Amino acid sequence: MKYLGDTSVLIHSLLAKPNLSQRAISLLGDENLEFYLSVASCWEIVTKTRSGKLVLPDTPAEFLTRALKLMLLQSLEITRLHALAVGELPDHHCDPFDRMLIAQATSGG
């Protein structure tokens, strides 16, 4: 099964005391599952770090490179179809990064 991780799951899973549910911790430890990190999450981390809303122990590039290796994450690029799918989502999700993650997770590609 494939999973697309949310930005906050990525950040919290790398903390010394992760603030994740037992189910999330169990899923992240399952080697039979495929986990993806969206480029949108990388963009969100860089944006929040530059604005001071997120403080990381390393630069965003170092943090994300380490996360990809440690968590065996595959990168999920943003395609034209993903961008178009954002416009089809209902308006109850206003955060542009969350909208892209939803579009990617539901587009099947």
PDB file of N, CA and C in Angstrom:
ATOM      1  N   MET A   1       0.842  -1.171   0.000  1.00  0.00           N
ATOM      2  CA  MET A   1       0.000   0.000   0.000  1.00  0.00           C
ATOM      3  C   MET A   1       0.890   1.239   0.000  1.00  0.00           C
ATOM      4  N   LYS A   2       0.414   2.302  -0.639  1.00  0.00           N
ATOM      5  CA  LYS A   2       1.164   3.546  -0.728  1.00  0.00           C
ATOM      6  C   LYS A   2       0.553   4.598   0.187  1.00  0.00           C
ATOM      7  N   TYR A   3       1.437   5.392   0.825  1.00  0.00           N
ATOM      8  CA  TYR A   3       1.004   6.480   1.703  1.00  0.00           C
ATOM      9  C   TYR A   3       1.739   7.755   1.330  1.00  0.00           C
ATOM     10  N   LEU A   4       1.000   8.839   1.319  1.00  0.00           N
ATOM     11  CA  LEU A   4       1.585  10.158   1.111  1.00  0.00           C
ATOM     12  C   LEU A   4       1.584  10.864   2.456  1.00  0.00           C
ATOM     13  N   GLY A   5       2.760  11.143   2.964  1.00  0.00           N
ATOM     14  CA  GLY A   5       2.871  11.741   4.289  1.00  0.00           C
ATOM     15  C   GLY A   5       2.579  13.228   4.282  1.00  0.00           C
ATOM     16  N   ASP A   6       1.905  13.671   5.308  1.00  0.00           N
ATOM     17  CA  ASP A   6       1.660  15.089   5.527  1.00  0.00           C
ATOM     18  C   ASP A   6       2.951  15.716   6.058  1.00  0.00           C
ATOM     19  N   THR A   7       3.123  17.002   5.818  1.00  0.00           N
ATOM     20  CA  THR A   7       4.328  17.710   6.256  1.00  0.00           C
ATOM     21  C   THR A   7       4.538  17.581   7.761  1.00  0.00           C
ATOM     22  N   SER A   8       3.477  17.737   8.542  1.00  0.00           N
ATOM     23  CA  SER A   8       3.623  17.664   9.999  1.00  0.00           C
ATOM     24  C   SER A   8       4.012  16.259  10.453  1.00  0.00           C
ATOM     25  N   VAL A   9       3.550  15.223   9.763  1.00  0.00           N
ATOM     26  CA  VAL A   9       3.943  13.853  10.108  1.00  0.00           C
ATOM     27  C   VAL A   9       5.439  13.686   9.882  1.00  0.00           C
ATOM     28  N   LEU A  10       5.922  14.216   8.784  1.00  0.00           N
ATOM     29  CA  LEU A  10       7.352  14.139   8.504  1.00  0.00           C
ATOM     30  C   LEU A  10       8.157  14.811   9.609  1.00  0.00           C
ATOM     31  N   ILE A  11       7.784  16.020   9.950  1.00  0.00           N
ATOM     32  CA  ILE A  11       8.522  16.778  10.961  1.00  0.00           C
ATOM     33  C   ILE A  11       8.458  16.073  12.313  1.00  0.00           C
ATOM     34  N   HIS A  12       7.259  15.671  12.736  1.00  0.00           N
ATOM     35  CA  HIS A  12       7.104  15.047  14.054  1.00  0.00           C
ATOM     36  C   HIS A  12       7.756  13.673  14.132  1.00  0.00           C
ATOM     37  N   SER A  13       7.839  12.964  13.023  1.00  0.00           N
ATOM     38  CA  SER A  13       8.438  11.631  13.076  1.00  0.00           C
ATOM     39  C   SER A  13       9.947  11.688  13.279  1.00  0.00           C
ATOM     40  N   LEU A  14      10.552  12.829  12.996  1.00  0.00           N
ATOM     41  CA  LEU A  14      11.997  12.960  13.167  1.00  0.00           C
ATOM     42  C   LEU A  14      12.398  13.618  14.477  1.00  0.00           C
ATOM     43  N   LEU A  15      11.426  13.986  15.296  1.00  0.00           N
ATOM     44  CA  LEU A  15      11.722  14.575  16.591  1.00  0.00           C
ATOM     45  C   LEU A  15      12.065  13.479  17.592  1.00  0.00           C
ATOM     46  N   ALA A  16      12.803  13.846  18.640  1.00  0.00           N
ATOM     47  CA  ALA A  16      13.197  12.876  19.668  1.00  0.00           C
ATOM     48  C   ALA A  16      11.978  12.248  20.339  1.00  0.00           C
ATOM     49  N   LYS A  17      10.945  13.067  20.575  1.00  0.00           N
ATOM     50  CA  LYS A  17       9.703  12.575  21.163  1.00  0.00           C
ATOM     51  C   LYS A  17       8.575  12.883  20.188  1.00  0.00           C
ATOM     52  N   PRO A  18       8.341  11.997  19.222  1.00  0.00           N
ATOM     53  CA  PRO A  18       7.344  12.294  18.200  1.00  0.00           C
ATOM     54  C   PRO A  18       5.944  12.463  18.771  1.00  0.00           C
ATOM     55  N   ASN A  19       5.234  13.438  18.246  1.00  0.00           N
ATOM     56  CA  ASN A  19       3.858  13.715  18.654  1.00  0.00           C
ATOM     57  C   ASN A  19       2.925  13.085  17.625  1.00  0.00           C
ATOM     58  N   LEU A  20       2.977  11.744  17.558  1.00  0.00           N
ATOM     59  CA  LEU A  20       2.182  10.995  16.587  1.00  0.00           C
ATOM     60  C   LEU A  20       1.349   9.940  17.304  1.00  0.00           C
ATOM     61  N   SER A  21       0.256   9.567  16.668  1.00  0.00           N
ATOM     62  CA  SER A  21      -0.589   8.507  17.228  1.00  0.00           C
ATOM     63  C   SER A  21       0.136   7.170  17.126  1.00  0.00           C
ATOM     64  N   GLN A  22      -0.297   6.200  17.912  1.00  0.00           N
ATOM     65  CA  GLN A  22       0.288   4.858  17.863  1.00  0.00           C
ATOM     66  C   GLN A  22       0.104   4.256  16.478  1.00  0.00           C
ATOM     67  N   ARG A  23      -1.044   4.510  15.847  1.00  0.00           N
ATOM     68  CA  ARG A  23      -1.290   3.992  14.489  1.00  0.00           C
ATOM     69  C   ARG A  23      -0.287   4.563  13.504  1.00  0.00           C
ATOM     70  N   ALA A  24      -0.025   5.868  13.578  1.00  0.00           N
ATOM     71  CA  ALA A  24       0.941   6.491  12.672  1.00  0.00           C
ATOM     72  C   ALA A  24       2.332   5.905  12.886  1.00  0.00           C
ATOM     73  N   ILE A  25       2.726   5.736  14.137  1.00  0.00           N
ATOM     74  CA  ILE A  25       4.044   5.170  14.441  1.00  0.00           C
ATOM     75  C   ILE A  25       4.143   3.744  13.907  1.00  0.00           C
ATOM     76  N   SER A  26       3.068   2.979  14.057  1.00  0.00           N
ATOM     77  CA  SER A  26       3.043   1.609  13.561  1.00  0.00           C
ATOM     78  C   SER A  26       3.162   1.563  12.035  1.00  0.00           C
ATOM     79  N   LEU A  27       2.410   2.425  11.352  1.00  0.00           N
ATOM     80  CA  LEU A  27       2.468   2.466   9.888  1.00  0.00           C
ATOM     81  C   LEU A  27       3.865   2.862   9.404  1.00  0.00           C
ATOM     82  N   LEU A  28       4.446   3.859  10.043  1.00  0.00           N
ATOM     83  CA  LEU A  28       5.775   4.314   9.635  1.00  0.00           C
ATOM     84  C   LEU A  28       6.838   3.236   9.828  1.00  0.00           C
ATOM     85  N   GLY A  29       6.608   2.324  10.755  1.00  0.00           N
ATOM     86  CA  GLY A  29       7.555   1.249  11.006  1.00  0.00           C
ATOM     87  C   GLY A  29       7.340   0.017  10.146  1.00  0.00           C
ATOM     88  N   ASP A  30       6.301   0.009   9.332  1.00  0.00           N
ATOM     89  CA  ASP A  30       5.978  -1.156   8.496  1.00  0.00           C
ATOM     90  C   ASP A  30       6.788  -1.100   7.200  1.00  0.00           C
ATOM     91  N   GLU A  31       7.733  -2.005   7.049  1.00  0.00           N
ATOM     92  CA  GLU A  31       8.613  -2.014   5.882  1.00  0.00           C
ATOM     93  C   GLU A  31       7.915  -2.485   4.613  1.00  0.00           C
ATOM     94  N   ASN A  32       6.701  -3.001   4.728  1.00  0.00           N
ATOM     95  CA  ASN A  32       5.958  -3.473   3.558  1.00  0.00           C
ATOM     96  C   ASN A  32       5.170  -2.360   2.873  1.00  0.00           C
ATOM     97  N   LEU A  33       5.169  -1.177   3.461  1.00  0.00           N
ATOM     98  CA  LEU A  33       4.411  -0.060   2.904  1.00  0.00           C
ATOM     99  C   LEU A  33       5.347   0.903   2.180  1.00  0.00           C
ATOM    100  N   GLU A  34       4.796   1.602   1.193  1.00  0.00           N
ATOM    101  CA  GLU A  34       5.560   2.610   0.455  1.00  0.00           C
ATOM    102  C   GLU A  34       5.136   3.989   0.935  1.00  0.00           C
ATOM    103  N   PHE A  35       6.118   4.813   1.293  1.00  0.00           N
ATOM    104  CA  PHE A  35       5.830   6.168   1.754  1.00  0.00           C
ATOM    105  C   PHE A  35       6.413   7.186   0.794  1.00  0.00           C
ATOM    106  N   TYR A  36       5.625   8.228   0.559  1.00  0.00           N
ATOM    107  CA  TYR A  36       6.017   9.282  -0.364  1.00  0.00           C
ATOM    108  C   TYR A  36       6.058  10.624   0.356  1.00  0.00           C
ATOM    109  N   LEU A  37       6.949  11.470  -0.113  1.00  0.00           N
ATOM    110  CA  LEU A  37       7.030  12.846   0.355  1.00  0.00           C
ATOM    111  C   LEU A  37       6.797  13.727  -0.857  1.00  0.00           C
ATOM    112  N   SER A  38       5.762  14.539  -0.787  1.00  0.00           N
ATOM    113  CA  SER A  38       5.447  15.436  -1.889  1.00  0.00           C
ATOM    114  C   SER A  38       6.421  16.597  -1.948  1.00  0.00           C
ATOM    115  N   VAL A  39       6.720  17.022  -3.153  1.00  0.00           N
ATOM    116  CA  VAL A  39       7.512  18.229  -3.339  1.00  0.00           C
ATOM    117  C   VAL A  39       6.799  19.409  -2.684  1.00  0.00           C
ATOM    118  N   ALA A  40       5.480  19.350  -2.589  1.00  0.00           N
ATOM    119  CA  ALA A  40       4.723  20.408  -1.904  1.00  0.00           C
ATOM    120  C   ALA A  40       5.129  20.500  -0.439  1.00  0.00           C
ATOM    121  N   SER A  41       5.423  19.380   0.195  1.00  0.00           N
ATOM    122  CA  SER A  41       5.880  19.395   1.587  1.00  0.00           C
ATOM    123  C   SER A  41       7.260  20.030   1.703  1.00  0.00           C
ATOM    124  N   CYS A  42       8.111  19.747   0.742  1.00  0.00           N
ATOM    125  CA  CYS A  42       9.438  20.389   0.730  1.00  0.00           C
ATOM    126  C   CYS A  42       9.274  21.897   0.612  1.00  0.00           C
ATOM    127  N   TRP A  43       8.418  22.319  -0.284  1.00  0.00           N
ATOM    128  CA  TRP A  43       8.154  23.744  -0.492  1.00  0.00           C
ATOM    129  C   TRP A  43       7.591  24.375   0.781  1.00  0.00           C
ATOM    130  N   GLU A  44       6.660  23.661   1.439  1.00  0.00           N
ATOM    131  CA  GLU A  44       6.064  24.171   2.676  1.00  0.00           C
ATOM    132  C   GLU A  44       7.119  24.327   3.767  1.00  0.00           C
ATOM    133  N   ILE A  45       8.005  23.345   3.909  1.00  0.00           N
ATOM    134  CA  ILE A  45       9.052  23.410   4.929  1.00  0.00           C
ATOM    135  C   ILE A  45       9.986  24.584   4.674  1.00  0.00           C
ATOM    136  N   VAL A  46      10.387  24.783   3.434  1.00  0.00           N
ATOM    137  CA  VAL A  46      11.257  25.912   3.096  1.00  0.00           C
ATOM    138  C   VAL A  46      10.550  27.232   3.381  1.00  0.00           C
ATOM    139  N   THR A  47       9.286  27.335   2.985  1.00  0.00           N
ATOM    140  CA  THR A  47       8.508  28.563   3.191  1.00  0.00           C
ATOM    141  C   THR A  47       8.364  28.882   4.673  1.00  0.00           C
ATOM    142  N   LYS A  48       8.016  27.886   5.474  1.00  0.00           N
ATOM    143  CA  LYS A  48       7.815  28.116   6.910  1.00  0.00           C
ATOM    144  C   LYS A  48       9.125  28.384   7.636  1.00  0.00           C
ATOM    145  N   THR A  49      10.206  27.776   7.178  1.00  0.00           N
ATOM    146  CA  THR A  49      11.508  28.036   7.785  1.00  0.00           C
ATOM    147  C   THR A  49      11.951  29.470   7.495  1.00  0.00           C
ATOM    148  N   ARG A  50      11.790  29.901   6.270  1.00  0.00           N
ATOM    149  CA  ARG A  50      12.198  31.266   5.896  1.00  0.00           C
ATOM    150  C   ARG A  50      11.376  32.331   6.619  1.00  0.00           C
ATOM    151  N   SER A  51      10.097  32.025   6.901  1.00  0.00           N
ATOM    152  CA  SER A  51       9.239  33.006   7.578  1.00  0.00           C
ATOM    153  C   SER A  51       9.411  32.984   9.094  1.00  0.00           C
ATOM    154  N   GLY A  52      10.153  31.997   9.611  1.00  0.00           N
ATOM    155  CA  GLY A  52      10.356  31.888  11.049  1.00  0.00           C
ATOM    156  C   GLY A  52       9.283  31.086  11.765  1.00  0.00           C
ATOM    157  N   LYS A  53       8.321  30.541  11.037  1.00  0.00           N
ATOM    158  CA  LYS A  53       7.253  29.735  11.648  1.00  0.00           C
ATOM    159  C   LYS A  53       7.702  28.315  11.980  1.00  0.00           C
ATOM    160  N   LEU A  54       8.830  27.901  11.430  1.00  0.00           N
ATOM    161  CA  LEU A  54       9.358  26.560  11.674  1.00  0.00           C
ATOM    162  C   LEU A  54      10.858  26.679  11.901  1.00  0.00           C
ATOM    163  N   VAL A  55      11.325  26.071  12.985  1.00  0.00           N
ATOM    164  CA  VAL A  55      12.755  26.049  13.291  1.00  0.00           C
ATOM    165  C   VAL A  55      13.221  24.602  13.202  1.00  0.00           C
ATOM    166  N   LEU A  56      14.223  24.377  12.377  1.00  0.00           N
ATOM    167  CA  LEU A  56      14.776  23.036  12.187  1.00  0.00           C
ATOM    168  C   LEU A  56      16.195  22.975  12.738  1.00  0.00           C
ATOM    169  N   PRO A  57      16.660  21.780  13.064  1.00  0.00           N
ATOM    170  CA  PRO A  57      18.038  21.653  13.558  1.00  0.00           C
ATOM    171  C   PRO A  57      19.080  21.849  12.460  1.00  0.00           C
ATOM    172  N   ASP A  58      18.660  21.748  11.196  1.00  0.00           N
ATOM    173  CA  ASP A  58      19.541  21.887  10.037  1.00  0.00           C
ATOM    174  C   ASP A  58      18.885  22.812   9.027  1.00  0.00           C
ATOM    175  N   THR A  59      19.546  23.030   7.910  1.00  0.00           N
ATOM    176  CA  THR A  59      18.913  23.751   6.815  1.00  0.00           C
ATOM    177  C   THR A  59      17.785  22.874   6.270  1.00  0.00           C
ATOM    178  N   PRO A  60      16.802  23.459   5.606  1.00  0.00           N
ATOM    179  CA  PRO A  60      15.747  22.626   5.019  1.00  0.00           C
ATOM    180  C   PRO A  60      16.304  21.544   4.083  1.00  0.00           C
ATOM    181  N   ALA A  61      17.299  21.888   3.286  1.00  0.00           N
ATOM    182  CA  ALA A  61      17.880  20.900   2.367  1.00  0.00           C
ATOM    183  C   ALA A  61      18.497  19.724   3.120  1.00  0.00           C
ATOM    184  N   GLU A  62      19.235  20.013   4.188  1.00  0.00           N
ATOM    185  CA  GLU A  62      19.851  18.937   4.984  1.00  0.00           C
ATOM    186  C   GLU A  62      18.784  18.116   5.703  1.00  0.00           C
ATOM    187  N   PHE A  63      17.792  18.789   6.261  1.00  0.00           N
ATOM    188  CA  PHE A  63      16.714  18.114   6.982  1.00  0.00           C
ATOM    189  C   PHE A  63      15.961  17.171   6.055  1.00  0.00           C
ATOM    190  N   LEU A  64      15.598  17.662   4.872  1.00  0.00           N
ATOM    191  CA  LEU A  64      14.814  16.855   3.932  1.00  0.00           C
ATOM    192  C   LEU A  64      15.635  15.707   3.347  1.00  0.00           C
ATOM    193  N   THR A  65      16.903  15.943   3.076  1.00  0.00           N
ATOM    194  CA  THR A  65      17.766  14.872   2.573  1.00  0.00           C
ATOM    195  C   THR A  65      17.884  13.758   3.607  1.00  0.00           C
ATOM    196  N   ARG A  66      18.067  14.147   4.868  1.00  0.00           N
ATOM    197  CA  ARG A  66      18.155  13.154   5.953  1.00  0.00           C
ATOM    198  C   ARG A  66      16.830  12.405   6.107  1.00  0.00           C
ATOM    199  N   ALA A  67      15.716  13.137   6.034  1.00  0.00           N
ATOM    200  CA  ALA A  67      14.398  12.515   6.183  1.00  0.00           C
ATOM    201  C   ALA A  67      14.139  11.489   5.093  1.00  0.00           C
ATOM    202  N   LEU A  68      14.462  11.832   3.860  1.00  0.00           N
ATOM    203  CA  LEU A  68      14.250  10.901   2.746  1.00  0.00           C
ATOM    204  C   LEU A  68      15.029   9.602   2.967  1.00  0.00           C
ATOM    205  N   LYS A  69      16.270   9.728   3.445  1.00  0.00           N
ATOM    206  CA  LYS A  69      17.107   8.540   3.666  1.00  0.00           C
ATOM    207  C   LYS A  69      16.644   7.737   4.874  1.00  0.00           C
ATOM    208  N   LEU A  70      16.437   8.416   6.006  1.00  0.00           N
ATOM    209  CA  LEU A  70      16.069   7.723   7.241  1.00  0.00           C
ATOM    210  C   LEU A  70      14.716   7.030   7.144  1.00  0.00           C
ATOM    211  N   MET A  71      13.771   7.690   6.490  1.00  0.00           N
ATOM    212  CA  MET A  71      12.408   7.160   6.439  1.00  0.00           C
ATOM    213  C   MET A  71      12.115   6.378   5.158  1.00  0.00           C
ATOM    214  N   LEU A  72      13.136   6.245   4.314  1.00  0.00           N
ATOM    215  CA  LEU A  72      12.996   5.532   3.038  1.00  0.00           C
ATOM    216  C   LEU A  72      11.830   6.086   2.213  1.00  0.00           C
ATOM    217  N   LEU A  73      11.774   7.404   2.136  1.00  0.00           N
ATOM    218  CA  LEU A  73      10.695   8.080   1.416  1.00  0.00           C
ATOM    219  C   LEU A  73      11.030   8.216  -0.058  1.00  0.00           C
ATOM    220  N   GLN A  74      10.007   8.101  -0.869  1.00  0.00           N
ATOM    221  CA  GLN A  74      10.141   8.364  -2.290  1.00  0.00           C
ATOM    222  C   GLN A  74       9.577   9.754  -2.558  1.00  0.00           C
ATOM    223  N   SER A  75      10.205  10.467  -3.447  1.00  0.00           N
ATOM    224  CA  SER A  75       9.756  11.817  -3.768  1.00  0.00           C
ATOM    225  C   SER A  75       8.581  11.759  -4.738  1.00  0.00           C
ATOM    226  N   LEU A  76       7.559  12.556  -4.459  1.00  0.00           N
ATOM    227  CA  LEU A  76       6.395  12.648  -5.347  1.00  0.00           C
ATOM    228  C   LEU A  76       6.385  14.043  -5.959  1.00  0.00           C
ATOM    229  N   GLU A  77       6.654  14.091  -7.244  1.00  0.00           N
ATOM    230  CA  GLU A  77       6.704  15.362  -7.959  1.00  0.00           C
ATOM    231  C   GLU A  77       5.292  15.898  -8.177  1.00  0.00           C
ATOM    232  N   ILE A  78       5.198  17.186  -8.427  1.00  0.00           N
ATOM    233  CA  ILE A  78       3.910  17.815  -8.742  1.00  0.00           C
ATOM    234  C   ILE A  78       3.765  17.829 -10.262  1.00  0.00           C
ATOM    235  N   THR A  79       2.694  17.250 -10.748  1.00  0.00           N
ATOM    236  CA  THR A  79       2.451  17.217 -12.189  1.00  0.00           C
ATOM    237  C   THR A  79       1.351  18.214 -12.570  1.00  0.00           C
ATOM    238  N   ARG A  80       1.194  18.400 -13.856  1.00  0.00           N
ATOM    239  CA  ARG A  80       0.126  19.260 -14.362  1.00  0.00           C
ATOM    240  C   ARG A  80      -1.229  18.740 -13.904  1.00  0.00           C
ATOM    241  N   LEU A  81      -1.408  17.430 -13.914  1.00  0.00           N
ATOM    242  CA  LEU A  81      -2.686  16.844 -13.475  1.00  0.00           C
ATOM    243  C   LEU A  81      -2.953  17.125 -12.003  1.00  0.00           C
ATOM    244  N   HIS A  82      -1.918  17.085 -11.187  1.00  0.00           N
ATOM    245  CA  HIS A  82      -2.079  17.419  -9.763  1.00  0.00           C
ATOM    246  C   HIS A  82      -2.520  18.870  -9.621  1.00  0.00           C
ATOM    247  N   ALA A  83      -1.848  19.759 -10.357  1.00  0.00           N
ATOM    248  CA  ALA A  83      -2.185  21.182 -10.273  1.00  0.00           C
ATOM    249  C   ALA A  83      -3.631  21.427 -10.701  1.00  0.00           C
ATOM    250  N   LEU A  84      -4.075  20.756 -11.748  1.00  0.00           N
ATOM    251  CA  LEU A  84      -5.454  20.922 -12.203  1.00  0.00           C
ATOM    252  C   LEU A  84      -6.449  20.330 -11.209  1.00  0.00           C
ATOM    253  N   ALA A  85      -6.065  19.240 -10.548  1.00  0.00           N
ATOM    254  CA  ALA A  85      -6.950  18.597  -9.573  1.00  0.00           C
ATOM    255  C   ALA A  85      -7.209  19.498  -8.369  1.00  0.00           C
ATOM    256  N   VAL A  86      -6.257  20.377  -8.047  1.00  0.00           N
ATOM    257  CA  VAL A  86      -6.443  21.319  -6.934  1.00  0.00           C
ATOM    258  C   VAL A  86      -7.699  22.159  -7.173  1.00  0.00           C
ATOM    259  N   GLY A  87      -7.916  22.559  -8.407  1.00  0.00           N
ATOM    260  CA  GLY A  87      -9.079  23.384  -8.741  1.00  0.00           C
ATOM    261  C   GLY A  87     -10.404  22.667  -8.623  1.00  0.00           C
ATOM    262  N   GLU A  88     -10.384  21.357  -8.563  1.00  0.00           N
ATOM    263  CA  GLU A  88     -11.610  20.560  -8.453  1.00  0.00           C
ATOM    264  C   GLU A  88     -11.992  20.261  -7.005  1.00  0.00           C
ATOM    265  N   LEU A  89     -11.128  20.614  -6.065  1.00  0.00           N
ATOM    266  CA  LEU A  89     -11.394  20.315  -4.655  1.00  0.00           C
ATOM    267  C   LEU A  89     -12.416  21.290  -4.075  1.00  0.00           C
ATOM    268  N   PRO A  90     -13.203  20.817  -3.107  1.00  0.00           N
ATOM    269  CA  PRO A  90     -14.122  21.740  -2.422  1.00  0.00           C
ATOM    270  C   PRO A  90     -13.335  22.801  -1.653  1.00  0.00           C
ATOM    271  N   ASP A  91     -13.978  23.887  -1.336  1.00  0.00           N
ATOM    272  CA  ASP A  91     -13.300  25.030  -0.713  1.00  0.00           C
ATOM    273  C   ASP A  91     -13.074  24.888   0.786  1.00  0.00           C
ATOM    274  N   HIS A  92     -13.416  23.770   1.406  1.00  0.00           N
ATOM    275  CA  HIS A  92     -13.211  23.676   2.853  1.00  0.00           C
ATOM    276  C   HIS A  92     -11.753  23.407   3.232  1.00  0.00           C
ATOM    277  N   HIS A  93     -10.868  23.249   2.276  1.00  0.00           N
ATOM    278  CA  HIS A  93      -9.430  23.153   2.536  1.00  0.00           C
ATOM    279  C   HIS A  93      -8.787  24.385   1.909  1.00  0.00           C
ATOM    280  N   CYS A  94      -8.383  25.347   2.736  1.00  0.00           N
ATOM    281  CA  CYS A  94      -7.861  26.618   2.225  1.00  0.00           C
ATOM    282  C   CYS A  94      -6.343  26.642   2.094  1.00  0.00           C
ATOM    283  N   ASP A  95      -5.627  25.867   2.892  1.00  0.00           N
ATOM    284  CA  ASP A  95      -4.172  25.879   2.855  1.00  0.00           C
ATOM    285  C   ASP A  95      -3.704  25.320   1.508  1.00  0.00           C
ATOM    286  N   PRO A  96      -2.916  26.088   0.738  1.00  0.00           N
ATOM    287  CA  PRO A  96      -2.516  25.624  -0.593  1.00  0.00           C
ATOM    288  C   PRO A  96      -1.655  24.358  -0.569  1.00  0.00           C
ATOM    289  N   PHE A  97      -0.850  24.182   0.464  1.00  0.00           N
ATOM    290  CA  PHE A  97      -0.023  22.982   0.547  1.00  0.00           C
ATOM    291  C   PHE A  97      -0.902  21.752   0.818  1.00  0.00           C
ATOM    292  N   ASP A  98      -1.859  21.890   1.740  1.00  0.00           N
ATOM    293  CA  ASP A  98      -2.782  20.784   2.019  1.00  0.00           C
ATOM    294  C   ASP A  98      -3.619  20.456   0.791  1.00  0.00           C
ATOM    295  N   ARG A  99      -4.031  21.473   0.058  1.00  0.00           N
ATOM    296  CA  ARG A  99      -4.815  21.233  -1.154  1.00  0.00           C
ATOM    297  C   ARG A  99      -4.020  20.419  -2.174  1.00  0.00           C
ATOM    298  N   MET A 100      -2.744  20.726  -2.292  1.00  0.00           N
ATOM    299  CA  MET A 100      -1.920  19.958  -3.246  1.00  0.00           C
ATOM    300  C   MET A 100      -1.758  18.525  -2.763  1.00  0.00           C
ATOM    301  N   LEU A 101      -1.525  18.324  -1.467  1.00  0.00           N
ATOM    302  CA  LEU A 101      -1.387  16.962  -0.944  1.00  0.00           C
ATOM    303  C   LEU A 101      -2.665  16.163  -1.166  1.00  0.00           C
ATOM    304  N   ILE A 102      -3.808  16.786  -0.945  1.00  0.00           N
ATOM    305  CA  ILE A 102      -5.090  16.111  -1.177  1.00  0.00           C
ATOM    306  C   ILE A 102      -5.248  15.764  -2.653  1.00  0.00           C
ATOM    307  N   ALA A 103      -4.923  16.703  -3.517  1.00  0.00           N
ATOM    308  CA  ALA A 103      -5.023  16.464  -4.955  1.00  0.00           C
ATOM    309  C   ALA A 103      -4.109  15.311  -5.370  1.00  0.00           C
ATOM    310  N   GLN A 104      -2.894  15.286  -4.841  1.00  0.00           N
ATOM    311  CA  GLN A 104      -1.969  14.204  -5.176  1.00  0.00           C
ATOM    312  C   GLN A 104      -2.449  12.862  -4.638  1.00  0.00           C
ATOM    313  N   ALA A 105      -2.951  12.873  -3.423  1.00  0.00           N
ATOM    314  CA  ALA A 105      -3.385  11.615  -2.800  1.00  0.00           C
ATOM    315  C   ALA A 105      -4.623  11.037  -3.477  1.00  0.00           C
ATOM    316  N   THR A 106      -5.458  11.880  -4.031  1.00  0.00           N
ATOM    317  CA  THR A 106      -6.707  11.393  -4.611  1.00  0.00           C
ATOM    318  C   THR A 106      -6.665  11.250  -6.125  1.00  0.00           C
ATOM    319  N   SER A 107      -5.580  11.708  -6.751  1.00  0.00           N
ATOM    320  CA  SER A 107      -5.520  11.653  -8.212  1.00  0.00           C
ATOM    321  C   SER A 107      -5.123  10.273  -8.752  1.00  0.00           C
ATOM    322  N   GLY A 108      -4.569   9.451  -7.884  1.00  0.00           N
ATOM    323  CA  GLY A 108      -4.198   8.102  -8.323  1.00  0.00           C
ATOM    324  C   GLY A 108      -2.956   8.074  -9.194  1.00  0.00           C
ATOM    325  N   GLY A 109      -2.256   9.172  -9.277  1.00  0.00           N
ATOM    326  CA  GLY A 109      -1.061   9.157 -10.113  1.00  0.00           C
ATOM    327  C   GLY A 109      -0.077  10.026  -9.568  1.00  0.00           C
TER     328      GLY A 109
END
